Amino acid sequence: MKRPRKIYQDSGAGFSIIEALVGVFILTLIGVAVYTFQKDVFSLNRIFSSSLAAQEEARRALRAMSAEIRTASPSSIGAYALAETATSSFAFYGDLDGDSLKERVRYFLNGAIIKRGVIKPSGDPLTYNPANETVSDLVRDVANGAVSVFDYYDADYDGTTQSLAEPVVVSSVRLIKITIMIDKDPSAPPSPMTLTTQISMRNLKDNL
């Protein structure tokens, strides 16, 4: 006579379907969290790198602008050294290339870009023809808003004096302050970076 076989079930061995699904769900959550974290890190790194590049571009531009502005002197046809003094634009005459002819140099804000325009005098008699102006970009991602790019001061400036009121009398200007606020992406960090420099108009002191 055959004895009936007993079938044993080990309720503690292996995983049930529910346990497996819970495990998969947890692993999925962990994977999503890690992916999101890495994505955010890479995104922030890209934003900060772009911001630093924009700031370096602005610093180079400020150095170049300072060097050129210091050459300001009467034009090749006898006009005063400073041609335009506004809060978002500034124009002057200076010999940029050492050929004894004074170029007309103009810095101006156009949208979010500070541009540089140069007119070389030509003709007989010499004239500064606006049609001959060569324009190039100096600084991008400018976010000054209501903050003036150019401020002007007279000979009495002591470091705390208020800038000259608009409209500025060009013959009174002895120092120019340039302020550039850079924001690569206004909708994302970091906050705008402000760069500023002051240029003393040394050549003008002896002319008046």
N, C-alpha and C. Protein backbone atom coordinates (compact mmCIF):
# COMPACT_ATOMS: atom_id res chain seq x y z
N MET A 1 0.84 -1.20 0.00
CA MET A 1 0.00 0.00 0.00
C MET A 1 0.87 1.24 0.00
N LYS A 2 0.60 2.09 -0.94
CA LYS A 2 1.41 3.31 -1.05
C LYS A 2 0.94 4.35 -0.04
N ARG A 3 1.96 4.94 0.55
CA ARG A 3 1.64 6.03 1.46
C ARG A 3 1.48 7.34 0.67
N PRO A 4 0.51 8.13 1.02
CA PRO A 4 0.34 9.44 0.32
C PRO A 4 1.53 10.35 0.61
N ARG A 5 1.97 11.04 -0.47
CA ARG A 5 3.09 11.96 -0.30
C ARG A 5 2.61 13.28 0.30
N LYS A 6 3.43 13.80 1.17
CA LYS A 6 3.13 15.09 1.77
C LYS A 6 3.87 16.18 1.01
N ILE A 7 3.15 17.21 0.68
CA ILE A 7 3.74 18.36 -0.02
C ILE A 7 3.92 19.50 0.98
N TYR A 8 5.17 19.91 1.11
CA TYR A 8 5.49 21.00 2.06
C TYR A 8 5.68 22.30 1.30
N GLN A 9 5.17 23.37 1.81
CA GLN A 9 5.37 24.71 1.25
C GLN A 9 6.12 25.54 2.26
N ASP A 10 7.22 26.10 1.78
CA ASP A 10 8.02 26.97 2.65
C ASP A 10 7.57 28.40 2.44
N SER A 11 6.70 28.85 3.34
CA SER A 11 6.13 30.20 3.17
C SER A 11 7.17 31.29 3.32
N GLY A 12 8.34 31.01 3.85
CA GLY A 12 9.36 32.05 4.05
C GLY A 12 10.37 32.12 2.94
N ALA A 13 10.32 31.23 1.95
CA ALA A 13 11.33 31.22 0.89
C ALA A 13 10.86 32.02 -0.30
N GLY A 14 11.83 32.78 -0.96
CA GLY A 14 11.53 33.54 -2.17
C GLY A 14 10.73 34.80 -1.86
N PHE A 15 10.27 35.47 -2.95
CA PHE A 15 9.49 36.69 -2.82
C PHE A 15 8.13 36.49 -3.47
N SER A 16 7.15 37.08 -2.87
CA SER A 16 5.84 37.07 -3.50
C SER A 16 5.82 38.10 -4.62
N ILE A 17 4.82 38.06 -5.46
CA ILE A 17 4.70 39.01 -6.57
C ILE A 17 4.61 40.44 -6.04
N ILE A 18 3.86 40.62 -4.97
CA ILE A 18 3.70 41.96 -4.40
C ILE A 18 5.04 42.50 -3.91
N GLU A 19 5.80 41.62 -3.22
CA GLU A 19 7.11 42.05 -2.73
C GLU A 19 8.04 42.41 -3.88
N ALA A 20 7.98 41.64 -4.95
CA ALA A 20 8.82 41.92 -6.11
C ALA A 20 8.44 43.26 -6.74
N LEU A 21 7.14 43.52 -6.84
CA LEU A 21 6.69 44.79 -7.41
C LEU A 21 7.12 45.98 -6.55
N VAL A 22 7.01 45.80 -5.24
CA VAL A 22 7.44 46.87 -4.32
C VAL A 22 8.93 47.14 -4.49
N GLY A 23 9.71 46.06 -4.62
CA GLY A 23 11.15 46.22 -4.81
C GLY A 23 11.48 46.96 -6.10
N VAL A 24 10.78 46.56 -7.17
CA VAL A 24 10.99 47.23 -8.46
C VAL A 24 10.62 48.71 -8.37
N PHE A 25 9.51 49.00 -7.68
CA PHE A 25 9.05 50.38 -7.52
C PHE A 25 10.09 51.22 -6.77
N ILE A 26 10.62 50.65 -5.69
CA ILE A 26 11.62 51.37 -4.90
C ILE A 26 12.88 51.63 -5.72
N LEU A 27 13.33 50.60 -6.44
CA LEU A 27 14.51 50.77 -7.29
C LEU A 27 14.27 51.82 -8.37
N THR A 28 13.05 51.84 -8.90
CA THR A 28 12.71 52.85 -9.92
C THR A 28 12.78 54.25 -9.33
N LEU A 29 12.22 54.41 -8.13
CA LEU A 29 12.27 55.71 -7.47
C LEU A 29 13.70 56.16 -7.24
N ILE A 30 14.53 55.23 -6.78
CA ILE A 30 15.94 55.56 -6.54
C ILE A 30 16.61 55.97 -7.85
N GLY A 31 16.34 55.21 -8.92
CA GLY A 31 16.93 55.53 -10.22
C GLY A 31 16.51 56.90 -10.72
N VAL A 32 15.21 57.20 -10.58
CA VAL A 32 14.71 58.51 -11.01
C VAL A 32 15.36 59.63 -10.20
N ALA A 33 15.48 59.41 -8.88
CA ALA A 33 16.09 60.43 -8.02
C ALA A 33 17.55 60.68 -8.40
N VAL A 34 18.29 59.60 -8.64
CA VAL A 34 19.69 59.74 -9.03
C VAL A 34 19.81 60.45 -10.37
N TYR A 35 18.96 60.07 -11.33
CA TYR A 35 19.00 60.70 -12.66
C TYR A 35 18.68 62.19 -12.56
N THR A 36 17.63 62.51 -11.78
CA THR A 36 17.25 63.93 -11.63
C THR A 36 18.36 64.73 -10.97
N PHE A 37 18.99 64.13 -9.95
CA PHE A 37 20.08 64.82 -9.26
C PHE A 37 21.24 65.08 -10.22
N GLN A 38 21.62 64.06 -10.97
CA GLN A 38 22.73 64.23 -11.92
C GLN A 38 22.38 65.25 -12.99
N LYS A 39 21.13 65.22 -13.46
CA LYS A 39 20.70 66.18 -14.48
C LYS A 39 20.77 67.60 -13.94
N ASP A 40 20.32 67.79 -12.68
CA ASP A 40 20.36 69.12 -12.07
C ASP A 40 21.79 69.59 -11.89
N VAL A 41 22.67 68.68 -11.47
CA VAL A 41 24.08 69.04 -11.27
C VAL A 41 24.71 69.46 -12.59
N PHE A 42 24.48 68.68 -13.64
CA PHE A 42 25.04 69.01 -14.95
C PHE A 42 24.47 70.33 -15.48
N SER A 43 23.16 70.53 -15.25
CA SER A 43 22.51 71.76 -15.71
C SER A 43 23.08 72.98 -14.99
N LEU A 44 23.23 72.88 -13.66
CA LEU A 44 23.80 73.99 -12.90
C LEU A 44 25.24 74.25 -13.29
N ASN A 45 25.99 73.17 -13.53
CA ASN A 45 27.38 73.33 -13.94
C ASN A 45 27.47 74.06 -15.27
N ARG A 46 26.57 73.71 -16.18
CA ARG A 46 26.54 74.37 -17.49
C ARG A 46 26.18 75.85 -17.35
N ILE A 47 25.19 76.13 -16.49
CA ILE A 47 24.76 77.52 -16.29
C ILE A 47 25.89 78.35 -15.68
N PHE A 48 26.55 77.81 -14.65
CA PHE A 48 27.62 78.55 -14.00
C PHE A 48 28.80 78.74 -14.95
N SER A 49 29.11 77.73 -15.75
CA SER A 49 30.21 77.86 -16.71
C SER A 49 29.91 78.94 -17.74
N SER A 50 28.67 78.96 -18.23
CA SER A 50 28.28 79.98 -19.20
C SER A 50 28.32 81.36 -18.57
N SER A 51 27.89 81.44 -17.31
CA SER A 51 27.90 82.72 -16.61
C SER A 51 29.33 83.24 -16.42
N LEU A 52 30.23 82.34 -16.05
CA LEU A 52 31.63 82.74 -15.87
C LEU A 52 32.24 83.21 -17.18
N ALA A 53 31.89 82.53 -18.28
CA ALA A 53 32.41 82.94 -19.59
C ALA A 53 31.90 84.32 -19.96
N ALA A 54 30.62 84.59 -19.67
CA ALA A 54 30.04 85.91 -19.97
C ALA A 54 30.71 86.99 -19.12
N GLN A 55 31.00 86.68 -17.87
CA GLN A 55 31.66 87.64 -16.99
C GLN A 55 33.07 87.94 -17.47
N GLU A 56 33.78 86.93 -17.92
CA GLU A 56 35.14 87.13 -18.41
C GLU A 56 35.11 87.98 -19.68
N GLU A 57 34.12 87.76 -20.52
CA GLU A 57 33.97 88.59 -21.73
C GLU A 57 33.78 90.05 -21.34
N ALA A 58 32.95 90.29 -20.31
CA ALA A 58 32.71 91.66 -19.85
C ALA A 58 33.97 92.29 -19.27
N ARG A 59 34.74 91.51 -18.53
CA ARG A 59 35.98 92.04 -17.96
C ARG A 59 36.97 92.45 -19.05
N ARG A 60 37.10 91.61 -20.07
CA ARG A 60 37.99 91.94 -21.19
C ARG A 60 37.52 93.20 -21.89
N ALA A 61 36.20 93.32 -22.06
CA ALA A 61 35.65 94.49 -22.73
C ALA A 61 35.91 95.76 -21.92
N LEU A 62 35.76 95.68 -20.62
CA LEU A 62 36.01 96.85 -19.77
C LEU A 62 37.46 97.29 -19.85
N ARG A 63 38.37 96.33 -19.88
CA ARG A 63 39.79 96.69 -20.00
C ARG A 63 40.06 97.37 -21.33
N ALA A 64 39.48 96.83 -22.40
CA ALA A 64 39.69 97.42 -23.73
C ALA A 64 39.06 98.80 -23.81
N MET A 65 37.86 98.96 -23.28
CA MET A 65 37.19 100.26 -23.30
C MET A 65 37.97 101.29 -22.51
N SER A 66 38.48 100.89 -21.36
CA SER A 66 39.26 101.82 -20.53
C SER A 66 40.48 102.32 -21.27
N ALA A 67 41.19 101.40 -21.92
CA ALA A 67 42.40 101.78 -22.66
C ALA A 67 42.08 102.74 -23.80
N GLU A 68 40.98 102.49 -24.50
CA GLU A 68 40.62 103.35 -25.62
C GLU A 68 40.14 104.72 -25.16
N ILE A 69 39.33 104.75 -24.11
CA ILE A 69 38.80 106.02 -23.62
C ILE A 69 39.91 106.94 -23.15
N ARG A 70 40.97 106.36 -22.60
CA ARG A 70 42.08 107.20 -22.12
C ARG A 70 42.81 107.91 -23.26
N THR A 71 42.57 107.50 -24.51
CA THR A 71 43.20 108.17 -25.65
C THR A 71 42.39 109.37 -26.12
N ALA A 72 41.26 109.64 -25.49
CA ALA A 72 40.36 110.70 -25.95
C ALA A 72 41.09 112.03 -26.12
N SER A 73 40.90 112.63 -27.28
CA SER A 73 41.53 113.92 -27.61
C SER A 73 40.74 114.54 -28.75
N PRO A 74 40.96 115.82 -29.04
CA PRO A 74 40.20 116.48 -30.12
C PRO A 74 40.28 115.71 -31.43
N SER A 75 39.20 115.77 -32.19
CA SER A 75 39.12 115.03 -33.44
C SER A 75 40.07 115.59 -34.48
N SER A 76 40.17 114.89 -35.59
CA SER A 76 41.05 115.32 -36.68
C SER A 76 40.53 116.57 -37.39
N ILE A 77 39.29 116.96 -37.10
CA ILE A 77 38.76 118.19 -37.70
C ILE A 77 38.49 119.24 -36.63
N GLY A 78 39.06 119.02 -35.44
CA GLY A 78 39.00 120.03 -34.39
C GLY A 78 37.83 119.95 -33.43
N ALA A 79 36.97 118.94 -33.55
CA ALA A 79 35.83 118.81 -32.64
C ALA A 79 36.31 118.41 -31.25
N TYR A 80 35.50 118.73 -30.24
CA TYR A 80 35.85 118.40 -28.87
C TYR A 80 36.02 116.89 -28.70
N ALA A 81 36.86 116.50 -27.76
CA ALA A 81 37.23 115.08 -27.60
C ALA A 81 36.03 114.18 -27.32
N LEU A 82 35.06 114.67 -26.57
CA LEU A 82 33.88 113.87 -26.26
C LEU A 82 32.74 114.29 -27.18
N ALA A 83 32.13 113.32 -27.83
CA ALA A 83 31.08 113.63 -28.80
C ALA A 83 29.68 113.33 -28.29
N GLU A 84 29.55 112.38 -27.38
CA GLU A 84 28.23 111.97 -26.91
C GLU A 84 28.34 111.42 -25.50
N THR A 85 27.49 111.92 -24.60
CA THR A 85 27.52 111.47 -23.20
C THR A 85 26.09 111.17 -22.73
N ALA A 86 25.66 109.95 -22.92
CA ALA A 86 24.33 109.52 -22.49
C ALA A 86 24.48 108.34 -21.53
N THR A 87 23.38 107.95 -20.90
CA THR A 87 23.46 106.86 -19.92
C THR A 87 23.67 105.49 -20.55
N SER A 88 23.27 105.34 -21.82
CA SER A 88 23.43 104.05 -22.49
C SER A 88 24.35 104.12 -23.70
N SER A 89 24.98 105.26 -23.90
CA SER A 89 25.92 105.40 -25.02
C SER A 89 26.96 106.46 -24.70
N PHE A 90 28.12 106.30 -25.32
CA PHE A 90 29.22 107.24 -25.11
C PHE A 90 30.08 107.24 -26.36
N ALA A 91 30.42 108.43 -26.84
CA ALA A 91 31.25 108.55 -28.05
C ALA A 91 32.36 109.56 -27.83
N PHE A 92 33.50 109.27 -28.41
CA PHE A 92 34.67 110.15 -28.25
C PHE A 92 35.58 109.98 -29.45
N TYR A 93 36.61 110.81 -29.51
CA TYR A 93 37.61 110.72 -30.56
C TYR A 93 38.94 110.29 -29.95
N GLY A 94 39.66 109.46 -30.66
CA GLY A 94 40.97 109.03 -30.18
C GLY A 94 41.73 108.31 -31.29
N ASP A 95 43.04 108.40 -31.23
CA ASP A 95 43.88 107.72 -32.22
C ASP A 95 44.12 106.29 -31.76
N LEU A 96 43.35 105.37 -32.30
CA LEU A 96 43.42 103.98 -31.85
C LEU A 96 44.55 103.19 -32.49
N ASP A 97 44.92 103.56 -33.70
CA ASP A 97 45.91 102.76 -34.44
C ASP A 97 47.23 103.47 -34.67
N GLY A 98 47.43 104.63 -34.05
CA GLY A 98 48.72 105.30 -34.12
C GLY A 98 49.07 105.90 -35.46
N ASP A 99 48.05 106.21 -36.28
CA ASP A 99 48.34 106.78 -37.60
C ASP A 99 48.14 108.30 -37.62
N SER A 100 47.96 108.90 -36.46
CA SER A 100 47.77 110.35 -36.26
C SER A 100 46.36 110.81 -36.60
N LEU A 101 45.54 109.97 -37.21
CA LEU A 101 44.14 110.31 -37.46
C LEU A 101 43.30 109.84 -36.27
N LYS A 102 42.38 110.67 -35.84
CA LYS A 102 41.56 110.34 -34.67
C LYS A 102 40.26 109.67 -35.12
N GLU A 103 40.08 108.43 -34.70
CA GLU A 103 38.83 107.73 -35.00
C GLU A 103 37.71 108.24 -34.07
N ARG A 104 36.48 108.13 -34.55
CA ARG A 104 35.33 108.39 -33.69
C ARG A 104 34.85 107.04 -33.16
N VAL A 105 34.90 106.88 -31.85
CA VAL A 105 34.55 105.60 -31.21
C VAL A 105 33.24 105.77 -30.45
N ARG A 106 32.36 104.84 -30.64
CA ARG A 106 31.05 104.91 -29.98
C ARG A 106 30.75 103.57 -29.31
N TYR A 107 30.44 103.62 -28.01
CA TYR A 107 29.96 102.46 -27.29
C TYR A 107 28.47 102.68 -27.03
N PHE A 108 27.67 101.68 -27.29
CA PHE A 108 26.23 101.87 -27.08
C PHE A 108 25.55 100.54 -26.77
N LEU A 109 24.51 100.63 -25.95
CA LEU A 109 23.73 99.45 -25.58
C LEU A 109 22.61 99.26 -26.59
N ASN A 110 22.58 98.07 -27.18
CA ASN A 110 21.55 97.72 -28.16
C ASN A 110 20.89 96.42 -27.70
N GLY A 111 19.73 96.53 -27.07
CA GLY A 111 19.10 95.35 -26.49
C GLY A 111 19.91 94.85 -25.31
N ALA A 112 20.40 93.62 -25.39
CA ALA A 112 21.22 93.04 -24.32
C ALA A 112 22.69 92.98 -24.72
N ILE A 113 23.08 93.80 -25.70
CA ILE A 113 24.46 93.78 -26.20
C ILE A 113 25.05 95.18 -26.19
N ILE A 114 26.25 95.30 -25.64
CA ILE A 114 27.00 96.55 -25.76
C ILE A 114 27.85 96.44 -27.02
N LYS A 115 27.66 97.40 -27.91
CA LYS A 115 28.36 97.37 -29.20
C LYS A 115 29.38 98.50 -29.27
N ARG A 116 30.29 98.35 -30.20
CA ARG A 116 31.34 99.34 -30.43
C ARG A 116 31.32 99.73 -31.91
N GLY A 117 31.18 101.03 -32.15
CA GLY A 117 31.21 101.53 -33.51
C GLY A 117 32.40 102.44 -33.72
N VAL A 118 33.09 102.28 -34.83
CA VAL A 118 34.29 103.09 -35.12
C VAL A 118 34.16 103.71 -36.51
N ILE A 119 34.41 105.03 -36.56
CA ILE A 119 34.42 105.74 -37.85
C ILE A 119 35.80 106.34 -38.04
N LYS A 120 36.44 105.99 -39.12
CA LYS A 120 37.74 106.57 -39.45
C LYS A 120 37.50 107.76 -40.38
N PRO A 121 38.11 108.91 -40.10
CA PRO A 121 37.89 110.08 -40.96
C PRO A 121 38.43 109.83 -42.36
N SER A 122 37.73 110.37 -43.34
CA SER A 122 38.16 110.17 -44.72
C SER A 122 37.74 111.37 -45.55
N GLY A 123 38.28 111.44 -46.77
CA GLY A 123 37.91 112.50 -47.70
C GLY A 123 38.82 113.71 -47.59
N ASP A 124 38.58 114.66 -48.45
CA ASP A 124 39.35 115.90 -48.47
C ASP A 124 38.38 117.05 -48.76
N PRO A 125 38.02 117.81 -47.74
CA PRO A 125 38.53 117.77 -46.38
C PRO A 125 38.00 116.55 -45.60
N LEU A 126 38.66 116.25 -44.50
CA LEU A 126 38.28 115.09 -43.69
C LEU A 126 36.88 115.26 -43.12
N THR A 127 36.15 114.15 -43.10
CA THR A 127 34.83 114.11 -42.47
C THR A 127 34.66 112.75 -41.78
N TYR A 128 33.72 112.71 -40.84
CA TYR A 128 33.36 111.45 -40.18
C TYR A 128 31.99 111.03 -40.71
N ASN A 129 32.01 110.16 -41.68
CA ASN A 129 30.79 109.73 -42.34
C ASN A 129 30.15 108.57 -41.58
N PRO A 130 28.95 108.75 -41.01
CA PRO A 130 28.29 107.67 -40.26
C PRO A 130 28.12 106.39 -41.09
N ALA A 131 28.03 106.54 -42.40
CA ALA A 131 27.86 105.36 -43.26
C ALA A 131 29.10 104.46 -43.24
N ASN A 132 30.22 105.02 -42.81
CA ASN A 132 31.47 104.25 -42.78
C ASN A 132 31.72 103.60 -41.41
N GLU A 133 30.76 103.70 -40.52
CA GLU A 133 30.96 103.15 -39.18
C GLU A 133 31.01 101.62 -39.23
N THR A 134 32.04 101.08 -38.57
CA THR A 134 32.18 99.63 -38.42
C THR A 134 31.72 99.25 -37.01
N VAL A 135 30.72 98.38 -36.92
CA VAL A 135 30.12 98.03 -35.63
C VAL A 135 30.43 96.58 -35.29
N SER A 136 30.79 96.35 -34.03
CA SER A 136 31.05 94.99 -33.55
C SER A 136 30.48 94.83 -32.14
N ASP A 137 30.24 93.58 -31.75
CA ASP A 137 29.73 93.29 -30.41
C ASP A 137 30.88 93.30 -29.40
N LEU A 138 30.62 93.93 -28.25
CA LEU A 138 31.61 93.92 -27.18
C LEU A 138 31.21 93.00 -26.03
N VAL A 139 29.99 93.20 -25.53
CA VAL A 139 29.51 92.42 -24.38
C VAL A 139 28.09 91.96 -24.64
N ARG A 140 27.85 90.67 -24.43
CA ARG A 140 26.51 90.11 -24.57
C ARG A 140 25.92 89.81 -23.19
N ASP A 141 24.63 89.52 -23.17
CA ASP A 141 23.91 89.15 -21.93
C ASP A 141 23.91 90.28 -20.91
N VAL A 142 23.81 91.52 -21.38
CA VAL A 142 23.77 92.68 -20.49
C VAL A 142 22.36 92.81 -19.92
N ALA A 143 22.28 93.00 -18.60
CA ALA A 143 20.98 93.08 -17.92
C ALA A 143 20.96 94.26 -16.95
N ASN A 144 21.33 95.43 -17.43
CA ASN A 144 21.39 96.61 -16.57
C ASN A 144 20.02 97.11 -16.13
N GLY A 145 19.00 96.87 -16.94
CA GLY A 145 17.68 97.38 -16.58
C GLY A 145 17.70 98.89 -16.50
N ALA A 146 17.32 99.42 -15.32
CA ALA A 146 17.29 100.87 -15.12
C ALA A 146 18.64 101.44 -14.69
N VAL A 147 19.62 100.58 -14.51
CA VAL A 147 20.95 101.03 -14.08
C VAL A 147 21.73 101.58 -15.28
N SER A 148 22.28 102.77 -15.14
CA SER A 148 23.02 103.40 -16.23
C SER A 148 24.28 102.62 -16.55
N VAL A 149 24.57 102.48 -17.83
CA VAL A 149 25.84 101.88 -18.24
C VAL A 149 26.96 102.89 -18.06
N PHE A 150 26.67 104.15 -18.39
CA PHE A 150 27.68 105.21 -18.30
C PHE A 150 27.21 106.30 -17.33
N ASP A 151 28.07 106.64 -16.39
CA ASP A 151 27.86 107.78 -15.50
C ASP A 151 29.05 108.72 -15.65
N TYR A 152 28.79 110.02 -15.50
CA TYR A 152 29.82 111.02 -15.76
C TYR A 152 30.01 111.92 -14.55
N TYR A 153 31.27 112.29 -14.31
CA TYR A 153 31.61 113.11 -13.15
C TYR A 153 32.54 114.24 -13.57
N ASP A 154 32.48 115.33 -12.81
CA ASP A 154 33.34 116.47 -13.14
C ASP A 154 34.61 116.44 -12.30
N ALA A 155 35.37 117.53 -12.33
CA ALA A 155 36.67 117.59 -11.65
C ALA A 155 36.53 117.56 -10.13
N ASP A 156 35.34 117.79 -9.60
CA ASP A 156 35.14 117.81 -8.16
C ASP A 156 34.81 116.43 -7.59
N TYR A 157 34.82 115.42 -8.41
CA TYR A 157 34.47 114.08 -7.94
C TYR A 157 35.45 113.60 -6.87
N ASP A 158 34.91 113.15 -5.73
CA ASP A 158 35.76 112.71 -4.62
C ASP A 158 35.50 111.26 -4.21
N GLY A 159 34.77 110.53 -5.04
CA GLY A 159 34.47 109.15 -4.72
C GLY A 159 33.07 108.94 -4.21
N THR A 160 32.44 110.00 -3.72
CA THR A 160 31.07 109.90 -3.21
C THR A 160 30.13 110.87 -3.90
N THR A 161 30.68 111.77 -4.70
CA THR A 161 29.87 112.78 -5.38
C THR A 161 28.89 112.13 -6.35
N GLN A 162 27.70 112.72 -6.45
CA GLN A 162 26.70 112.23 -7.39
C GLN A 162 27.17 112.48 -8.82
N SER A 163 26.73 111.61 -9.72
CA SER A 163 27.08 111.78 -11.13
C SER A 163 26.40 113.02 -11.69
N LEU A 164 26.94 113.53 -12.80
CA LEU A 164 26.37 114.71 -13.43
C LEU A 164 24.96 114.40 -13.93
N ALA A 165 24.07 115.35 -13.75
CA ALA A 165 22.68 115.17 -14.16
C ALA A 165 22.55 115.29 -15.67
N GLU A 166 21.55 114.59 -16.20
CA GLU A 166 21.22 114.69 -17.62
C GLU A 166 20.47 116.00 -17.89
N PRO A 167 20.71 116.65 -19.02
CA PRO A 167 21.75 116.32 -20.02
C PRO A 167 23.13 116.76 -19.54
N VAL A 168 24.10 115.91 -19.78
CA VAL A 168 25.46 116.18 -19.32
C VAL A 168 26.14 117.19 -20.24
N VAL A 169 26.80 118.16 -19.64
CA VAL A 169 27.62 119.11 -20.40
C VAL A 169 28.96 118.44 -20.66
N VAL A 170 29.25 118.10 -21.90
CA VAL A 170 30.43 117.29 -22.21
C VAL A 170 31.72 117.94 -21.75
N SER A 171 31.78 119.25 -21.76
CA SER A 171 33.02 119.93 -21.38
C SER A 171 33.29 119.82 -19.88
N SER A 172 32.30 119.38 -19.10
CA SER A 172 32.47 119.25 -17.65
C SER A 172 33.00 117.88 -17.25
N VAL A 173 32.93 116.93 -18.14
CA VAL A 173 33.27 115.54 -17.80
C VAL A 173 34.78 115.37 -17.63
N ARG A 174 35.14 114.76 -16.51
CA ARG A 174 36.55 114.43 -16.26
C ARG A 174 36.74 112.96 -15.90
N LEU A 175 35.66 112.30 -15.56
CA LEU A 175 35.75 110.89 -15.19
C LEU A 175 34.48 110.18 -15.64
N ILE A 176 34.65 108.97 -16.13
CA ILE A 176 33.52 108.15 -16.59
C ILE A 176 33.49 106.86 -15.79
N LYS A 177 32.32 106.51 -15.34
CA LYS A 177 32.12 105.23 -14.65
C LYS A 177 31.27 104.33 -15.54
N ILE A 178 31.77 103.13 -15.79
CA ILE A 178 31.04 102.16 -16.61
C ILE A 178 30.56 101.03 -15.71
N THR A 179 29.28 100.73 -15.77
CA THR A 179 28.69 99.64 -14.99
C THR A 179 28.01 98.66 -15.93
N ILE A 180 28.40 97.40 -15.84
CA ILE A 180 27.81 96.36 -16.68
C ILE A 180 27.30 95.24 -15.78
N MET A 181 26.02 94.94 -15.91
CA MET A 181 25.41 93.82 -15.18
C MET A 181 25.20 92.67 -16.16
N ILE A 182 25.74 91.52 -15.81
CA ILE A 182 25.68 90.35 -16.69
C ILE A 182 24.75 89.30 -16.10
N ASP A 183 23.82 88.81 -16.92
CA ASP A 183 22.94 87.72 -16.51
C ASP A 183 22.71 86.82 -17.71
N LYS A 184 23.39 85.69 -17.72
CA LYS A 184 23.31 84.77 -18.86
C LYS A 184 21.90 84.24 -19.05
N ASP A 185 21.23 83.93 -17.93
CA ASP A 185 19.87 83.40 -18.00
C ASP A 185 19.07 83.99 -16.84
N PRO A 186 18.26 85.04 -17.09
CA PRO A 186 17.51 85.69 -16.01
C PRO A 186 16.57 84.76 -15.27
N SER A 187 16.18 83.64 -15.88
CA SER A 187 15.23 82.72 -15.24
C SER A 187 15.91 81.66 -14.38
N ALA A 188 17.23 81.69 -14.31
CA ALA A 188 17.96 80.67 -13.55
C ALA A 188 19.10 81.32 -12.77
N PRO A 189 19.54 80.65 -11.68
CA PRO A 189 20.70 81.17 -10.96
C PRO A 189 21.94 81.07 -11.82
N PRO A 190 23.01 81.80 -11.48
CA PRO A 190 23.15 82.71 -10.34
C PRO A 190 22.55 84.08 -10.62
N SER A 191 22.57 84.94 -9.59
CA SER A 191 22.07 86.31 -9.74
C SER A 191 22.99 87.09 -10.67
N PRO A 192 22.49 88.21 -11.22
CA PRO A 192 23.33 89.03 -12.11
C PRO A 192 24.64 89.45 -11.45
N MET A 193 25.71 89.42 -12.22
CA MET A 193 27.02 89.85 -11.74
C MET A 193 27.25 91.28 -12.22
N THR A 194 27.67 92.16 -11.31
CA THR A 194 27.91 93.56 -11.64
C THR A 194 29.41 93.82 -11.73
N LEU A 195 29.84 94.37 -12.85
CA LEU A 195 31.23 94.76 -13.04
C LEU A 195 31.28 96.26 -13.31
N THR A 196 32.25 96.92 -12.74
CA THR A 196 32.34 98.37 -12.91
C THR A 196 33.78 98.82 -12.98
N THR A 197 34.00 99.92 -13.65
CA THR A 197 35.33 100.52 -13.71
C THR A 197 35.19 102.02 -13.87
N GLN A 198 36.23 102.75 -13.50
CA GLN A 198 36.24 104.20 -13.63
C GLN A 198 37.44 104.61 -14.47
N ILE A 199 37.22 105.55 -15.38
CA ILE A 199 38.29 106.02 -16.26
C ILE A 199 38.45 107.52 -16.10
N SER A 200 39.62 107.94 -15.71
CA SER A 200 39.91 109.37 -15.59
C SER A 200 40.31 109.92 -16.95
N MET A 201 39.71 111.04 -17.33
CA MET A 201 39.98 111.66 -18.63
C MET A 201 41.17 112.61 -18.49
N ARG A 202 42.35 112.04 -18.37
CA ARG A 202 43.55 112.84 -18.11
C ARG A 202 43.85 113.85 -19.22
N ASN A 203 43.63 113.44 -20.46
CA ASN A 203 43.96 114.33 -21.58
C ASN A 203 43.09 115.58 -21.61
N LEU A 204 41.93 115.53 -20.95
CA LEU A 204 41.03 116.68 -21.00
C LEU A 204 41.42 117.76 -20.00
N LYS A 205 42.14 117.41 -18.97
CA LYS A 205 42.45 118.37 -17.93
C LYS A 205 43.32 119.51 -18.43
N ASP A 206 44.16 119.23 -19.39
CA ASP A 206 45.06 120.26 -19.91
C ASP A 206 44.46 121.01 -21.08
N ASN A 207 43.29 120.56 -21.55
CA ASN A 207 42.72 121.17 -22.75
C ASN A 207 41.80 122.33 -22.44
N LEU A 208 41.38 122.42 -21.17
CA LEU A 208 40.42 123.47 -20.82
C LEU A 208 41.03 124.42 -19.81
